[in-house]
Amino acid sequence: MLPRRYVGWALSNATTKLPSDANKELDLAKREQIDLDLQRHVQIDSPFIFLFETVSQSALRKNVNGFVSEPSFDLVLCRNVTRS
């Protein structure tokens, strides 16, 4: 029986497994490939059409080094930030 929130649509095994695989992968090239595979699965299997994407920006001064932010801003690494 399908959960109520997925009425008439079930997630494929790849769609549920790939996000956790990407989170565990340390090699950036492999992680990018996993993310591309996930996007393909969602585009093929999903009953939804994504029309819009949230755009966020960050700005840094020229003297700030080592700041890392992922595109979705759910991970910001500040431990290597230095100021010159």
PDB file of N, CA and C in Angstrom:
ATOM      1  N   MET A   1       0.836  -1.178   0.000  1.00  0.00           N
ATOM      2  CA  MET A   1       0.000   0.000   0.000  1.00  0.00           C
ATOM      3  C   MET A   1       0.884   1.246   0.000  1.00  0.00           C
ATOM      4  N   LEU A   2       0.544   2.208  -0.816  1.00  0.00           N
ATOM      5  CA  LEU A   2       1.320   3.434  -0.922  1.00  0.00           C
ATOM      6  C   LEU A   2       0.974   4.394   0.208  1.00  0.00           C
ATOM      7  N   PRO A   3       1.969   5.147   0.698  1.00  0.00           N
ATOM      8  CA  PRO A   3       1.650   6.176   1.691  1.00  0.00           C
ATOM      9  C   PRO A   3       0.698   7.209   1.092  1.00  0.00           C
ATOM     10  N   ARG A   4      -0.102   7.833   1.919  1.00  0.00           N
ATOM     11  CA  ARG A   4      -1.107   8.779   1.429  1.00  0.00           C
ATOM     12  C   ARG A   4      -0.511   9.942   0.649  1.00  0.00           C
ATOM     13  N   ARG A   5       0.663  10.408   1.052  1.00  0.00           N
ATOM     14  CA  ARG A   5       1.228  11.568   0.365  1.00  0.00           C
ATOM     15  C   ARG A   5       1.681  11.238  -1.056  1.00  0.00           C
ATOM     16  N   TYR A   6       1.783   9.959  -1.397  1.00  0.00           N
ATOM     17  CA  TYR A   6       2.182   9.543  -2.738  1.00  0.00           C
ATOM     18  C   TYR A   6       1.042   8.819  -3.427  1.00  0.00           C
ATOM     19  N   VAL A   7      -0.141   9.348  -3.357  1.00  0.00           N
ATOM     20  CA  VAL A   7      -1.318   8.688  -3.910  1.00  0.00           C
ATOM     21  C   VAL A   7      -1.112   8.446  -5.404  1.00  0.00           C
ATOM     22  N   GLY A   8      -1.106   7.180  -5.786  1.00  0.00           N
ATOM     23  CA  GLY A   8      -0.977   6.801  -7.184  1.00  0.00           C
ATOM     24  C   GLY A   8       0.429   6.894  -7.738  1.00  0.00           C
ATOM     25  N   TRP A   9       1.400   7.174  -6.892  1.00  0.00           N
ATOM     26  CA  TRP A   9       2.774   7.305  -7.369  1.00  0.00           C
ATOM     27  C   TRP A   9       3.724   6.802  -6.300  1.00  0.00           C
ATOM     28  N   ALA A  10       4.614   5.915  -6.688  1.00  0.00           N
ATOM     29  CA  ALA A  10       5.590   5.372  -5.751  1.00  0.00           C
ATOM     30  C   ALA A  10       6.985   5.773  -6.201  1.00  0.00           C
ATOM     31  N   LEU A  11       7.822   6.116  -5.248  1.00  0.00           N
ATOM     32  CA  LEU A  11       9.207   6.455  -5.569  1.00  0.00           C
ATOM     33  C   LEU A  11       9.954   5.205  -6.009  1.00  0.00           C
ATOM     34  N   SER A  12      10.758   5.338  -7.033  1.00  0.00           N
ATOM     35  CA  SER A  12      11.583   4.208  -7.447  1.00  0.00           C
ATOM     36  C   SER A  12      12.713   4.032  -6.438  1.00  0.00           C
ATOM     37  N   ASN A  13      13.304   2.854  -6.421  1.00  0.00           N
ATOM     38  CA  ASN A  13      14.400   2.591  -5.493  1.00  0.00           C
ATOM     39  C   ASN A  13      15.565   3.545  -5.744  1.00  0.00           C
ATOM     40  N   ALA A  14      15.849   3.836  -7.014  1.00  0.00           N
ATOM     41  CA  ALA A  14      16.958   4.742  -7.332  1.00  0.00           C
ATOM     42  C   ALA A  14      16.697   6.139  -6.788  1.00  0.00           C
ATOM     43  N   THR A  15      15.472   6.598  -6.893  1.00  0.00           N
ATOM     44  CA  THR A  15      15.136   7.943  -6.436  1.00  0.00           C
ATOM     45  C   THR A  15      15.286   8.077  -4.927  1.00  0.00           C
ATOM     46  N   THR A  16      15.028   7.038  -4.190  1.00  0.00           N
ATOM     47  CA  THR A  16      15.173   7.103  -2.734  1.00  0.00           C
ATOM     48  C   THR A  16      16.600   6.826  -2.281  1.00  0.00           C
ATOM     49  N   LYS A  17      17.376   6.082  -3.061  1.00  0.00           N
ATOM     50  CA  LYS A  17      18.733   5.708  -2.666  1.00  0.00           C
ATOM     51  C   LYS A  17      19.777   6.750  -3.067  1.00  0.00           C
ATOM     52  N   LEU A  18      19.602   7.395  -4.192  1.00  0.00           N
ATOM     53  CA  LEU A  18      20.619   8.303  -4.713  1.00  0.00           C
ATOM     54  C   LEU A  18      20.925   9.499  -3.801  1.00  0.00           C
ATOM     55  N   PRO A  19      19.946  10.136  -3.152  1.00  0.00           N
ATOM     56  CA  PRO A  19      20.310  11.259  -2.268  1.00  0.00           C
ATOM     57  C   PRO A  19      21.235  10.850  -1.127  1.00  0.00           C
ATOM     58  N   SER A  20      21.000   9.704  -0.522  1.00  0.00           N
ATOM     59  CA  SER A  20      21.885   9.265   0.562  1.00  0.00           C
ATOM     60  C   SER A  20      23.256   8.876   0.021  1.00  0.00           C
ATOM     61  N   ASP A  21      23.303   8.313  -1.204  1.00  0.00           N
ATOM     62  CA  ASP A  21      24.592   8.004  -1.822  1.00  0.00           C
ATOM     63  C   ASP A  21      25.388   9.282  -2.062  1.00  0.00           C
ATOM     64  N   ALA A  22      24.717  10.325  -2.540  1.00  0.00           N
ATOM     65  CA  ALA A  22      25.395  11.596  -2.805  1.00  0.00           C
ATOM     66  C   ALA A  22      25.923  12.216  -1.516  1.00  0.00           C
ATOM     67  N   ASN A  23      25.158  12.115  -0.439  1.00  0.00           N
ATOM     68  CA  ASN A  23      25.601  12.679   0.840  1.00  0.00           C
ATOM     69  C   ASN A  23      26.826  11.971   1.389  1.00  0.00           C
ATOM     70  N   LYS A  24      26.979  10.694   1.077  1.00  0.00           N
ATOM     71  CA  LYS A  24      28.109   9.914   1.587  1.00  0.00           C
ATOM     72  C   LYS A  24      29.351  10.033   0.702  1.00  0.00           C
ATOM     73  N   GLU A  25      29.170  10.440  -0.552  1.00  0.00           N
ATOM     74  CA  GLU A  25      30.280  10.476  -1.505  1.00  0.00           C
ATOM     75  C   GLU A  25      31.185  11.678  -1.250  1.00  0.00           C
ATOM     76  N   LEU A  26      32.479  11.434  -1.134  1.00  0.00           N
ATOM     77  CA  LEU A  26      33.444  12.497  -0.891  1.00  0.00           C
ATOM     78  C   LEU A  26      34.083  13.015  -2.183  1.00  0.00           C
ATOM     79  N   ASP A  27      34.131  12.188  -3.198  1.00  0.00           N
ATOM     80  CA  ASP A  27      34.710  12.579  -4.481  1.00  0.00           C
ATOM     81  C   ASP A  27      33.719  13.479  -5.215  1.00  0.00           C
ATOM     82  N   LEU A  28      34.121  14.725  -5.496  1.00  0.00           N
ATOM     83  CA  LEU A  28      33.217  15.711  -6.083  1.00  0.00           C
ATOM     84  C   LEU A  28      32.698  15.274  -7.453  1.00  0.00           C
ATOM     85  N   ALA A  29      33.554  14.704  -8.285  1.00  0.00           N
ATOM     86  CA  ALA A  29      33.127  14.272  -9.623  1.00  0.00           C
ATOM     87  C   ALA A  29      32.078  13.161  -9.533  1.00  0.00           C
ATOM     88  N   LYS A  30      32.293  12.213  -8.630  1.00  0.00           N
ATOM     89  CA  LYS A  30      31.317  11.128  -8.455  1.00  0.00           C
ATOM     90  C   LYS A  30      30.006  11.673  -7.895  1.00  0.00           C
ATOM     91  N   ARG A  31      30.113  12.617  -6.965  1.00  0.00           N
ATOM     92  CA  ARG A  31      28.903  13.200  -6.373  1.00  0.00           C
ATOM     93  C   ARG A  31      28.091  13.961  -7.420  1.00  0.00           C
ATOM     94  N   GLU A  32      28.784  14.697  -8.290  1.00  0.00           N
ATOM     95  CA  GLU A  32      28.089  15.409  -9.362  1.00  0.00           C
ATOM     96  C   GLU A  32      27.351  14.436 -10.275  1.00  0.00           C
ATOM     97  N   GLN A  33      27.986  13.289 -10.574  1.00  0.00           N
ATOM     98  CA  GLN A  33      27.343  12.296 -11.427  1.00  0.00           C
ATOM     99  C   GLN A  33      26.114  11.699 -10.740  1.00  0.00           C
ATOM    100  N   ILE A  34      26.206  11.447  -9.447  1.00  0.00           N
ATOM    101  CA  ILE A  34      25.064  10.925  -8.697  1.00  0.00           C
ATOM    102  C   ILE A  34      23.928  11.945  -8.717  1.00  0.00           C
ATOM    103  N   ASP A  35      24.258  13.228  -8.534  1.00  0.00           N
ATOM    104  CA  ASP A  35      23.233  14.269  -8.568  1.00  0.00           C
ATOM    105  C   ASP A  35      22.566  14.355  -9.945  1.00  0.00           C
ATOM    106  N   LEU A  36      23.351  14.223 -11.008  1.00  0.00           N
ATOM    107  CA  LEU A  36      22.779  14.227 -12.359  1.00  0.00           C
ATOM    108  C   LEU A  36      21.854  13.028 -12.570  1.00  0.00           C
ATOM    109  N   ASP A  37      22.279  11.869 -12.081  1.00  0.00           N
ATOM    110  CA  ASP A  37      21.433  10.666 -12.181  1.00  0.00           C
ATOM    111  C   ASP A  37      20.121  10.868 -11.428  1.00  0.00           C
ATOM    112  N   LEU A  38      20.199  11.455 -10.242  1.00  0.00           N
ATOM    113  CA  LEU A  38      18.999  11.713  -9.451  1.00  0.00           C
ATOM    114  C   LEU A  38      18.062  12.659 -10.196  1.00  0.00           C
ATOM    115  N   GLN A  39      18.609  13.702 -10.789  1.00  0.00           N
ATOM    116  CA  GLN A  39      17.777  14.643 -11.539  1.00  0.00           C
ATOM    117  C   GLN A  39      17.077  13.942 -12.708  1.00  0.00           C
ATOM    118  N   ARG A  40      17.805  13.059 -13.396  1.00  0.00           N
ATOM    119  CA  ARG A  40      17.190  12.323 -14.509  1.00  0.00           C
ATOM    120  C   ARG A  40      16.048  11.435 -14.017  1.00  0.00           C
ATOM    121  N   HIS A  41      16.273  10.740 -12.905  1.00  0.00           N
ATOM    122  CA  HIS A  41      15.227   9.867 -12.356  1.00  0.00           C
ATOM    123  C   HIS A  41      13.995  10.680 -11.971  1.00  0.00           C
ATOM    124  N   VAL A  42      14.210  11.815 -11.331  1.00  0.00           N
ATOM    125  CA  VAL A  42      13.077  12.643 -10.906  1.00  0.00           C
ATOM    126  C   VAL A  42      12.324  13.178 -12.124  1.00  0.00           C
ATOM    127  N   GLN A  43      13.050  13.592 -13.157  1.00  0.00           N
ATOM    128  CA  GLN A  43      12.393  14.102 -14.362  1.00  0.00           C
ATOM    129  C   GLN A  43      11.573  13.020 -15.054  1.00  0.00           C
ATOM    130  N   ILE A  44      12.064  11.801 -15.048  1.00  0.00           N
ATOM    131  CA  ILE A  44      11.374  10.699 -15.734  1.00  0.00           C
ATOM    132  C   ILE A  44      10.225  10.156 -14.892  1.00  0.00           C
ATOM    133  N   ASP A  45      10.473   9.944 -13.593  1.00  0.00           N
ATOM    134  CA  ASP A  45       9.510   9.255 -12.729  1.00  0.00           C
ATOM    135  C   ASP A  45       8.497  10.171 -12.049  1.00  0.00           C
ATOM    136  N   SER A  46       8.830  11.422 -11.885  1.00  0.00           N
ATOM    137  CA  SER A  46       8.004  12.304 -11.070  1.00  0.00           C
ATOM    138  C   SER A  46       6.716  12.716 -11.781  1.00  0.00           C
ATOM    139  N   PRO A  47       5.615  12.778 -11.023  1.00  0.00           N
ATOM    140  CA  PRO A  47       4.373  13.283 -11.605  1.00  0.00           C
ATOM    141  C   PRO A  47       4.297  14.810 -11.558  1.00  0.00           C
ATOM    142  N   PHE A  48       5.379  15.459 -11.124  1.00  0.00           N
ATOM    143  CA  PHE A  48       5.398  16.906 -10.981  1.00  0.00           C
ATOM    144  C   PHE A  48       6.265  17.537 -12.059  1.00  0.00           C
ATOM    145  N   ILE A  49       5.977  18.772 -12.378  1.00  0.00           N
ATOM    146  CA  ILE A  49       6.812  19.561 -13.277  1.00  0.00           C
ATOM    147  C   ILE A  49       7.328  20.741 -12.471  1.00  0.00           C
ATOM    148  N   PHE A  50       8.643  20.848 -12.358  1.00  0.00           N
ATOM    149  CA  PHE A  50       9.238  21.945 -11.609  1.00  0.00           C
ATOM    150  C   PHE A  50       9.373  23.145 -12.528  1.00  0.00           C
ATOM    151  N   LEU A  51       8.665  24.219 -12.208  1.00  0.00           N
ATOM    152  CA  LEU A  51       8.651  25.399 -13.055  1.00  0.00           C
ATOM    153  C   LEU A  51       9.629  26.472 -12.593  1.00  0.00           C
ATOM    154  N   PHE A  52       9.900  26.521 -11.302  1.00  0.00           N
ATOM    155  CA  PHE A  52      10.723  27.586 -10.760  1.00  0.00           C
ATOM    156  C   PHE A  52      11.792  27.019  -9.845  1.00  0.00           C
ATOM    157  N   GLU A  53      12.873  27.753  -9.707  1.00  0.00           N
ATOM    158  CA  GLU A  53      13.952  27.366  -8.815  1.00  0.00           C
ATOM    159  C   GLU A  53      14.319  28.579  -7.975  1.00  0.00           C
ATOM    160  N   THR A  54      14.493  28.379  -6.692  1.00  0.00           N
ATOM    161  CA  THR A  54      14.867  29.469  -5.808  1.00  0.00           C
ATOM    162  C   THR A  54      16.294  29.902  -6.105  1.00  0.00           C
ATOM    163  N   VAL A  55      16.486  31.182  -6.230  1.00  0.00           N
ATOM    164  CA  VAL A  55      17.814  31.720  -6.487  1.00  0.00           C
ATOM    165  C   VAL A  55      18.264  32.472  -5.239  1.00  0.00           C
ATOM    166  N   SER A  56      19.430  32.129  -4.749  1.00  0.00           N
ATOM    167  CA  SER A  56      20.001  32.796  -3.584  1.00  0.00           C
ATOM    168  C   SER A  56      21.407  33.255  -3.946  1.00  0.00           C
ATOM    169  N   GLN A  57      21.824  34.333  -3.345  1.00  0.00           N
ATOM    170  CA  GLN A  57      23.147  34.869  -3.614  1.00  0.00           C
ATOM    171  C   GLN A  57      23.874  35.127  -2.314  1.00  0.00           C
ATOM    172  N   SER A  58      25.191  35.083  -2.393  1.00  0.00           N
ATOM    173  CA  SER A  58      26.005  35.491  -1.252  1.00  0.00           C
ATOM    174  C   SER A  58      27.102  36.403  -1.778  1.00  0.00           C
ATOM    175  N   ALA A  59      27.540  37.316  -0.947  1.00  0.00           N
ATOM    176  CA  ALA A  59      28.593  38.251  -1.337  1.00  0.00           C
ATOM    177  C   ALA A  59      29.691  38.226  -0.284  1.00  0.00           C
ATOM    178  N   LEU A  60      30.921  38.335  -0.743  1.00  0.00           N
ATOM    179  CA  LEU A  60      32.072  38.347   0.156  1.00  0.00           C
ATOM    180  C   LEU A  60      32.967  39.527  -0.192  1.00  0.00           C
ATOM    181  N   ARG A  61      33.625  40.031   0.815  1.00  0.00           N
ATOM    182  CA  ARG A  61      34.628  41.055   0.560  1.00  0.00           C
ATOM    183  C   ARG A  61      35.865  40.403  -0.048  1.00  0.00           C
ATOM    184  N   LYS A  62      36.687  41.195  -0.707  1.00  0.00           N
ATOM    185  CA  LYS A  62      37.890  40.673  -1.365  1.00  0.00           C
ATOM    186  C   LYS A  62      38.871  40.063  -0.375  1.00  0.00           C
ATOM    187  N   ASN A  63      38.843  40.495   0.878  1.00  0.00           N
ATOM    188  CA  ASN A  63      39.816  40.004   1.854  1.00  0.00           C
ATOM    189  C   ASN A  63      39.346  38.759   2.610  1.00  0.00           C
ATOM    190  N   VAL A  64      38.221  38.158   2.225  1.00  0.00           N
ATOM    191  CA  VAL A  64      37.711  36.939   2.867  1.00  0.00           C
ATOM    192  C   VAL A  64      38.077  35.744   1.981  1.00  0.00           C
ATOM    193  N   ASN A  65      38.714  34.757   2.589  1.00  0.00           N
ATOM    194  CA  ASN A  65      39.148  33.563   1.863  1.00  0.00           C
ATOM    195  C   ASN A  65      38.636  32.312   2.558  1.00  0.00           C
ATOM    196  N   GLY A  66      38.404  31.248   1.781  1.00  0.00           N
ATOM    197  CA  GLY A  66      38.062  29.949   2.350  1.00  0.00           C
ATOM    198  C   GLY A  66      36.590  29.724   2.648  1.00  0.00           C
ATOM    199  N   PHE A  67      35.725  30.660   2.292  1.00  0.00           N
ATOM    200  CA  PHE A  67      34.292  30.489   2.534  1.00  0.00           C
ATOM    201  C   PHE A  67      33.707  29.562   1.472  1.00  0.00           C
ATOM    202  N   VAL A  68      32.966  28.530   1.901  1.00  0.00           N
ATOM    203  CA  VAL A  68      32.366  27.570   0.974  1.00  0.00           C
ATOM    204  C   VAL A  68      30.868  27.521   1.238  1.00  0.00           C
ATOM    205  N   SER A  69      30.090  27.671   0.175  1.00  0.00           N
ATOM    206  CA  SER A  69      28.642  27.571   0.283  1.00  0.00           C
ATOM    207  C   SER A  69      28.130  26.720  -0.860  1.00  0.00           C
ATOM    208  N   GLU A  70      27.278  25.752  -0.544  1.00  0.00           N
ATOM    209  CA  GLU A  70      26.676  24.924  -1.586  1.00  0.00           C
ATOM    210  C   GLU A  70      25.590  25.723  -2.283  1.00  0.00           C
ATOM    211  N   PRO A  71      25.239  25.355  -3.506  1.00  0.00           N
ATOM    212  CA  PRO A  71      24.237  26.127  -4.256  1.00  0.00           C
ATOM    213  C   PRO A  71      22.896  26.279  -3.544  1.00  0.00           C
ATOM    214  N   SER A  72      22.512  25.305  -2.746  1.00  0.00           N
ATOM    215  CA  SER A  72      21.216  25.380  -2.074  1.00  0.00           C
ATOM    216  C   SER A  72      21.298  26.065  -0.708  1.00  0.00           C
ATOM    217  N   PHE A  73      22.475  26.479  -0.295  1.00  0.00           N
ATOM    218  CA  PHE A  73      22.710  27.179   0.971  1.00  0.00           C
ATOM    219  C   PHE A  73      22.319  26.350   2.196  1.00  0.00           C
ATOM    220  N   ASP A  74      22.165  25.033   2.036  1.00  0.00           N
ATOM    221  CA  ASP A  74      21.885  24.226   3.217  1.00  0.00           C
ATOM    222  C   ASP A  74      23.176  23.773   3.885  1.00  0.00           C
ATOM    223  N   LEU A  75      24.308  24.040   3.248  1.00  0.00           N
ATOM    224  CA  LEU A  75      25.607  23.729   3.849  1.00  0.00           C
ATOM    225  C   LEU A  75      26.528  24.917   3.618  1.00  0.00           C
ATOM    226  N   VAL A  76      26.968  25.532   4.701  1.00  0.00           N
ATOM    227  CA  VAL A  76      27.915  26.630   4.628  1.00  0.00           C
ATOM    228  C   VAL A  76      29.077  26.256   5.524  1.00  0.00           C
ATOM    229  N   LEU A  77      30.279  26.219   4.944  1.00  0.00           N
ATOM    230  CA  LEU A  77      31.470  25.863   5.710  1.00  0.00           C
ATOM    231  C   LEU A  77      32.255  27.119   6.023  1.00  0.00           C
ATOM    232  N   CYS A  78      32.431  27.376   7.306  1.00  0.00           N
ATOM    233  CA  CYS A  78      33.139  28.579   7.749  1.00  0.00           C
ATOM    234  C   CYS A  78      34.421  28.262   8.486  1.00  0.00           C
ATOM    235  N   ARG A  79      34.737  26.997   8.683  1.00  0.00           N
ATOM    236  CA  ARG A  79      35.889  26.647   9.516  1.00  0.00           C
ATOM    237  C   ARG A  79      37.213  27.059   8.901  1.00  0.00           C
ATOM    238  N   ASN A  80      37.296  27.192   7.562  1.00  0.00           N
ATOM    239  CA  ASN A  80      38.537  27.587   6.902  1.00  0.00           C
ATOM    240  C   ASN A  80      38.547  29.052   6.480  1.00  0.00           C
ATOM    241  N   VAL A  81      37.612  29.836   6.989  1.00  0.00           N
ATOM    242  CA  VAL A  81      37.525  31.232   6.588  1.00  0.00           C
ATOM    243  C   VAL A  81      38.634  32.029   7.256  1.00  0.00           C
ATOM    244  N   THR A  82      39.319  32.797   6.432  1.00  0.00           N
ATOM    245  CA  THR A  82      40.364  33.688   6.932  1.00  0.00           C
ATOM    246  C   THR A  82      40.155  35.069   6.324  1.00  0.00           C
ATOM    247  N   ARG A  83      40.754  36.033   6.970  1.00  0.00           N
ATOM    248  CA  ARG A  83      40.689  37.408   6.481  1.00  0.00           C
ATOM    249  C   ARG A  83      42.120  37.903   6.270  1.00  0.00           C
ATOM    250  N   SER A  84      42.356  38.517   5.132  1.00  0.00           N
ATOM    251  CA  SER A  84      43.714  38.995   4.867  1.00  0.00           C
ATOM    252  C   SER A  84      43.802  40.491   4.940  1.00  0.00           C
TER     253      SER A  84
END
